[in-house]
N, C-alpha and C. Protein backbone atom coordinates (compact mmCIF):
# COMPACT_ATOMS: atom_id res chain seq x y z
N UNK A 1 100.34 153.10 120.80
CA UNK A 1 101.55 152.15 121.58
C UNK A 1 102.19 151.00 120.24
N UNK A 2 103.45 151.11 120.19
CA UNK A 2 104.03 149.96 119.04
C UNK A 2 104.51 148.66 119.85
N UNK A 3 104.36 147.58 119.05
CA UNK A 3 105.21 146.34 119.72
C UNK A 3 106.58 146.57 119.54
N UNK A 4 107.43 145.58 120.12
CA UNK A 4 108.65 145.54 120.39
C UNK A 4 108.80 144.07 119.69
N UNK A 5 109.48 144.32 118.62
CA UNK A 5 109.26 143.02 117.73
C UNK A 5 110.88 142.32 118.47
N UNK A 6 110.70 141.07 118.81
CA UNK A 6 111.65 140.22 119.51
C UNK A 6 112.31 139.70 118.41
N UNK A 7 113.60 139.68 118.88
CA UNK A 7 114.99 139.42 117.96
C UNK A 7 115.53 138.11 118.42
N UNK A 8 115.32 136.83 117.76
CA UNK A 8 116.24 135.83 118.10
C UNK A 8 116.87 135.60 116.94
N UNK A 9 118.44 134.89 117.90
CA UNK A 9 119.61 134.31 117.11
C UNK A 9 119.42 133.43 116.23
N UNK A 10 120.08 133.24 115.55
CA UNK A 10 120.08 131.79 114.87
C UNK A 10 119.93 130.47 115.22
N UNK A 11 121.23 130.86 115.96
CA UNK A 11 120.92 128.94 117.02
C UNK A 11 119.75 128.99 117.61
N UNK A 12 119.11 130.00 118.53
CA UNK A 12 118.12 129.64 118.87
C UNK A 12 116.82 129.32 118.04
N UNK A 13 116.55 129.72 116.99
CA UNK A 13 115.69 129.20 115.79
C UNK A 13 115.90 127.88 115.15
N UNK A 14 117.43 127.66 115.46
CA UNK A 14 117.59 125.61 114.89
C UNK A 14 117.68 125.03 115.69
N UNK A 15 117.62 125.57 117.14
CA UNK A 15 117.36 124.75 118.34
C UNK A 15 115.72 124.44 118.38
N UNK A 16 115.10 125.45 118.30
CA UNK A 16 113.42 125.26 118.17
C UNK A 16 113.18 124.19 117.33
N UNK A 17 113.72 124.66 116.17
CA UNK A 17 113.18 123.87 114.90
C UNK A 17 113.61 122.21 114.86
N UNK A 18 114.79 122.04 115.74
CA UNK A 18 115.41 120.64 115.89
C UNK A 18 114.44 119.76 116.93
N UNK A 19 113.95 120.46 117.54
CA UNK A 19 113.02 120.26 118.82
C UNK A 19 111.67 119.29 117.81
N UNK A 20 111.19 120.16 117.05
CA UNK A 20 110.05 119.68 116.17
C UNK A 20 110.42 118.40 115.37
N UNK A 21 111.69 118.52 114.59
CA UNK A 21 112.17 117.33 113.97
C UNK A 21 112.97 116.13 114.59
N UNK A 22 113.79 116.60 115.28
CA UNK A 22 114.52 115.08 116.23
C UNK A 22 113.42 114.72 117.37
N UNK A 23 112.61 115.44 117.68
CA UNK A 23 112.10 114.87 119.20
C UNK A 23 110.70 114.54 118.86
N UNK A 24 110.27 114.86 117.23
CA UNK A 24 108.67 114.58 116.87
C UNK A 24 107.63 115.38 117.73
N UNK A 25 108.17 116.83 118.16
CA UNK A 25 107.15 117.24 118.79
C UNK A 25 106.71 118.20 117.83
N UNK A 26 104.91 118.54 118.18
CA UNK A 26 104.37 119.53 117.42
C UNK A 26 104.74 120.71 117.29
N UNK A 27 104.39 121.57 116.24
CA UNK A 27 104.58 122.67 116.04
C UNK A 27 103.84 123.66 117.09
N UNK A 28 102.72 123.11 117.39
CA UNK A 28 101.76 123.93 118.66
C UNK A 28 102.58 123.33 119.88
N UNK A 29 102.85 122.72 120.52
CA UNK A 29 103.57 122.19 121.58
C UNK A 29 105.01 123.04 121.67
N UNK A 30 105.71 122.89 120.58
CA UNK A 30 106.86 123.80 120.49
C UNK A 30 106.82 125.23 120.89
N UNK A 31 105.88 125.95 120.19
CA UNK A 31 105.17 127.22 119.95
C UNK A 31 105.19 127.82 121.42
N UNK A 32 103.97 126.71 121.93
CA UNK A 32 103.48 126.89 123.25
C UNK A 32 104.25 127.00 124.45
N UNK A 33 105.33 125.98 124.61
CA UNK A 33 106.69 126.22 124.91
C UNK A 33 107.72 126.70 125.39
N UNK A 34 107.81 127.34 124.01
CA UNK A 34 108.69 128.60 123.95
C UNK A 34 108.26 129.92 123.84
N UNK A 35 106.70 129.95 123.86
CA UNK A 35 106.57 131.29 123.56
C UNK A 35 106.27 132.00 122.55
N UNK A 36 106.55 131.42 121.34
CA UNK A 36 106.74 131.93 120.01
C UNK A 36 105.46 131.43 119.60
N UNK A 37 105.10 132.68 118.50
CA UNK A 37 103.92 132.45 117.75
C UNK A 37 104.15 131.03 116.68
N UNK A 38 103.04 130.48 116.57
CA UNK A 38 102.94 128.92 115.88
C UNK A 38 103.32 129.47 114.14
N UNK A 39 103.01 130.94 113.50
CA UNK A 39 102.99 131.29 112.45
C UNK A 39 104.88 131.42 112.18
N UNK A 40 105.57 132.15 113.34
CA UNK A 40 106.69 132.45 113.07
C UNK A 40 107.73 131.06 113.37
N UNK A 41 107.27 130.04 114.01
CA UNK A 41 108.08 128.47 113.98
C UNK A 41 107.75 127.82 112.77
N UNK A 42 106.99 128.16 112.24
CA UNK A 42 106.53 127.57 111.15
C UNK A 42 107.38 127.88 110.05
N UNK A 43 107.76 129.55 109.92
CA UNK A 43 108.46 129.90 109.15
C UNK A 43 109.94 129.53 109.22
N UNK A 44 110.54 129.30 110.20
CA UNK A 44 111.51 129.14 111.13
C UNK A 44 111.47 127.66 110.55
N UNK A 45 111.04 126.76 110.57
CA UNK A 45 110.81 125.39 110.16
C UNK A 45 111.09 125.25 108.74
N UNK A 46 110.42 126.05 108.09
CA UNK A 46 110.38 125.93 106.13
C UNK A 46 111.55 126.40 105.66
N UNK A 47 112.47 127.44 106.29
CA UNK A 47 113.68 127.96 106.17
C UNK A 47 114.78 127.23 106.27
N UNK A 48 114.57 126.31 107.59
CA UNK A 48 115.73 125.40 108.12
C UNK A 48 115.82 124.22 107.19
N UNK A 49 114.46 123.79 106.71
CA UNK A 49 114.64 122.73 106.04
C UNK A 49 114.98 123.03 104.39
N UNK A 50 114.97 124.22 104.11
CA UNK A 50 115.37 124.64 102.91
C UNK A 50 116.68 124.75 102.70
N UNK A 51 117.15 125.34 103.90
CA UNK A 51 118.71 125.82 104.02
C UNK A 51 119.46 124.58 104.05
N UNK A 52 118.80 123.29 104.58
CA UNK A 52 119.62 122.04 105.25
C UNK A 52 119.08 120.77 104.22
N UNK A 53 118.62 121.41 102.71
CA UNK A 53 118.25 120.20 101.96
C UNK A 53 117.23 119.43 102.58
N UNK A 54 115.94 119.63 103.28
CA UNK A 54 115.33 118.71 104.01
C UNK A 54 115.80 117.65 104.94
N UNK A 55 116.59 118.12 105.84
CA UNK A 55 117.01 117.02 106.62
C UNK A 55 115.96 116.64 107.46
N UNK A 56 116.02 115.33 107.53
CA UNK A 56 114.98 114.95 108.72
C UNK A 56 115.59 114.49 109.93
N UNK A 57 114.57 113.81 110.71
CA UNK A 57 114.97 113.64 112.13
C UNK A 57 116.17 112.79 112.23
N UNK A 58 116.16 111.67 110.88
CA UNK A 58 117.47 110.48 111.20
C UNK A 58 118.77 111.08 110.33
N UNK A 59 118.54 112.44 110.19
CA UNK A 59 119.75 112.98 109.68
C UNK A 59 119.92 113.06 108.18
N UNK A 60 118.98 112.39 107.24
CA UNK A 60 119.31 112.53 105.97
C UNK A 60 117.99 112.22 105.37
N UNK A 61 117.38 113.11 104.26
CA UNK A 61 116.15 112.54 103.55
C UNK A 61 116.53 111.46 102.57
N UNK A 62 115.80 110.00 102.55
CA UNK A 62 116.15 109.58 101.63
C UNK A 62 115.93 109.69 100.36
N UNK A 63 116.49 109.34 99.04
CA UNK A 63 116.18 110.03 98.12
C UNK A 63 115.21 109.45 97.19
N UNK A 64 114.83 107.95 97.30
CA UNK A 64 113.84 107.68 96.62
C UNK A 64 112.81 106.41 97.37
N UNK A 65 111.85 105.78 96.73
CA UNK A 65 111.36 104.86 97.49
C UNK A 65 112.12 103.87 97.49
N UNK A 66 112.79 103.44 96.67
CA UNK A 66 113.90 102.13 96.80
C UNK A 66 114.75 102.41 98.06
N UNK A 67 115.07 103.18 98.68
CA UNK A 67 115.83 103.87 99.91
C UNK A 67 115.16 103.38 101.18
N UNK A 68 113.62 103.76 100.93
CA UNK A 68 112.93 103.45 101.78
C UNK A 68 112.74 102.01 102.15
N UNK A 69 112.62 101.41 100.94
CA UNK A 69 112.54 99.80 100.82
C UNK A 69 113.38 99.20 101.48
N UNK A 70 114.77 99.67 101.32
CA UNK A 70 115.96 98.87 101.67
C UNK A 70 116.22 99.06 103.09
N UNK A 71 115.56 100.25 103.46
CA UNK A 71 115.74 100.59 105.27
C UNK A 71 114.68 99.74 105.69
N UNK A 72 113.65 99.43 105.20
CA UNK A 72 112.40 98.57 105.84
C UNK A 72 113.17 97.28 105.83
N UNK A 73 113.79 96.65 104.79
CA UNK A 73 114.33 95.61 104.76
C UNK A 73 115.22 94.89 105.84
N UNK A 74 116.32 96.26 106.31
CA UNK A 74 117.51 96.28 107.24
C UNK A 74 116.89 96.19 108.73
N UNK A 75 115.94 97.08 108.64
CA UNK A 75 115.48 96.90 109.88
C UNK A 75 114.54 95.89 110.54
N UNK A 76 113.44 94.99 109.43
CA UNK A 76 112.95 93.97 109.68
C UNK A 76 113.85 92.93 109.52
N UNK A 77 115.26 92.87 109.26
CA UNK A 77 116.23 91.64 109.41
C UNK A 77 116.88 92.11 110.48
N UNK A 78 117.00 92.95 111.39
CA UNK A 78 117.47 93.62 112.39
C UNK A 78 116.51 93.31 113.64
N UNK A 79 115.24 92.98 113.31
CA UNK A 79 114.14 93.16 114.28
C UNK A 79 113.94 91.41 114.42
N UNK A 80 114.07 90.74 113.34
CA UNK A 80 114.18 89.21 113.52
C UNK A 80 115.31 88.53 114.14
N UNK A 81 116.54 89.16 113.94
CA UNK A 81 117.35 88.68 114.88
C UNK A 81 117.32 88.92 116.75
N UNK A 82 116.83 90.23 116.54
CA UNK A 82 116.45 90.60 118.03
C UNK A 82 115.30 89.94 118.72
N UNK A 83 114.60 89.06 118.32
CA UNK A 83 113.36 88.15 118.42
C UNK A 83 114.00 86.90 118.83
N UNK A 84 115.08 86.55 117.74
CA UNK A 84 115.77 85.39 118.12
C UNK A 84 116.54 84.90 119.50
N UNK A 85 117.37 86.72 119.94
CA UNK A 85 118.02 86.99 120.75
C UNK A 85 117.30 86.75 122.08
N UNK A 86 115.97 87.34 121.97
CA UNK A 86 115.03 87.38 123.23
C UNK A 86 114.71 85.75 123.61
N UNK A 87 114.38 85.04 122.52
CA UNK A 87 113.88 83.48 122.76
C UNK A 87 114.61 82.92 123.57
N UNK A 88 115.98 83.05 123.03
CA UNK A 88 117.08 82.42 123.59
C UNK A 88 117.20 82.84 124.81
N UNK A 89 117.40 84.14 125.07
CA UNK A 89 117.39 84.62 126.70
C UNK A 89 116.14 83.96 128.01
N UNK A 90 115.08 83.88 126.64
CA UNK A 90 113.94 83.39 127.69
C UNK A 90 114.13 82.00 128.28
N UNK A 91 114.74 81.44 127.13
CA UNK A 91 115.29 79.72 127.53
C UNK A 91 116.06 79.58 128.39
N UNK A 92 117.20 80.61 128.44
CA UNK A 92 118.19 80.45 129.49
C UNK A 92 117.64 81.12 130.88
N UNK A 93 116.71 81.83 130.65
CA UNK A 93 116.30 82.20 132.19
C UNK A 93 115.49 81.28 132.78
N UNK A 94 114.58 80.40 131.77
CA UNK A 94 114.12 79.31 132.56
C UNK A 94 114.58 78.12 132.88
N UNK A 95 115.77 78.08 132.28
CA UNK A 95 116.76 77.03 132.84
C UNK A 95 117.50 77.16 134.07
N UNK A 96 117.88 78.48 134.16
CA UNK A 96 118.71 78.59 135.44
C UNK A 96 117.79 78.88 136.68
N UNK A 97 116.44 78.90 136.26
CA UNK A 97 115.48 79.18 137.54
C UNK A 97 114.71 78.02 137.84
N UNK A 98 115.31 76.68 137.28
CA UNK A 98 114.78 75.80 137.81
C UNK A 98 115.68 75.58 138.98
N UNK A 99 114.66 75.10 140.07
CA UNK A 99 115.98 74.75 141.44
C UNK A 99 116.34 73.12 141.07
N UNK A 100 117.47 73.14 141.54
CA UNK A 100 118.18 71.51 141.27
C UNK A 100 118.26 70.87 142.72
């Protein structure tokens, strides 16, 4: 008995790989959910990354460690602002919650 080799469209392969990259799902989980052999899915992922220049979930691969450091500083600054805004909102809620 011969096995019938399944044919998948390139779009299907790309969508499967994007599940891994964009939604941070594991190869094992995606292969199980889609009924695809994990080795096949791994090959698709490798080819996708080769063809797309190592694109990561955030859209582009940082070029160096300095890019990572710069991004971390931006995120830390954004976090600080968000925390300050949250504190202001907490004070506003407590002010308006006091019965007059």
